């Protein structure tokens, strides 16, 4: 199973006369990067919230918002007038046309504009919020799983295409060998008299040269790497992009060697097609866990 790195989860519910809304957005990131927006009354619980996120979410740039509204919250909340005036004075100093901007609405969205009259929340409310947080994480992971299935299908298609092109390479191998023999012979005849060529020596050198351009091992290894990629892609582990990245590098090495050895225009075209499919796989690997 493959999980996308991007996702979204949101849960909203009533706790007494308060409405609690938990929302999580996740974007691509190589590490866990959390941006947490919570009410001032929840600041004392911030470390616990971060621990839950760290323990349950694998990689990603996360925007986590816990929003409280309703009569019960409004009674406990007031505007931080000193901070509001400070923001307002700084905006006035910018000498911009304030009539074209909804200053009040903008200021009310600034950090810490609202402060709580009650700096503590009950354990019951926090436990309820943690339950909503867990549900939101589950929805995020469901979203990631759905997107991951789409990415998995696409990558498997690309691997299958590489194997298909590899199969097509085989029908040009005999033609490639004959073409190499003809080119070598023509080169020799154009530089030496026919009498001066040692036929036995020529055959030995030709066999040696052709053996150096033999692509049997590269074909076997490329097929094995593609099969291993498919195996890893279908494992149940949640994180696999790094391992699949290493396998894709090995696939790339074999494709490059095939291209260097082929010396046949149709085979080189197939190699280019393989490289194109591999690049699309690498792009998708940046989007999964």
Foldseek 3Di string as FASTA:
>chain_A
DWFFQWFKFKDWDDDPQKIKIKIKTWDFDPAEAEDEAEAQLCVVVVVVLVVVCVVQDGHTHMYIYIDMDGDVQVVFKDFPVVVLVVVVVVVVVVVDDCVVDPVVVVSVPDPPRMHTNDSYDDPVVVVVVVVRVVNRSVNGRVRRVVVGVVLLVLLLVLLVLLLVLLVVLVVCVVVQLVVVVVVVVVVDVVPDPPVPDDPVVVVVVSVVVVVVLDLPVLSVQLVVLSVVLNVQSPDPDHDDLVVNVVSLVSNLVSLVSNCVSRPDVSSVVSSVSSVVSSVVNNVSSSGID
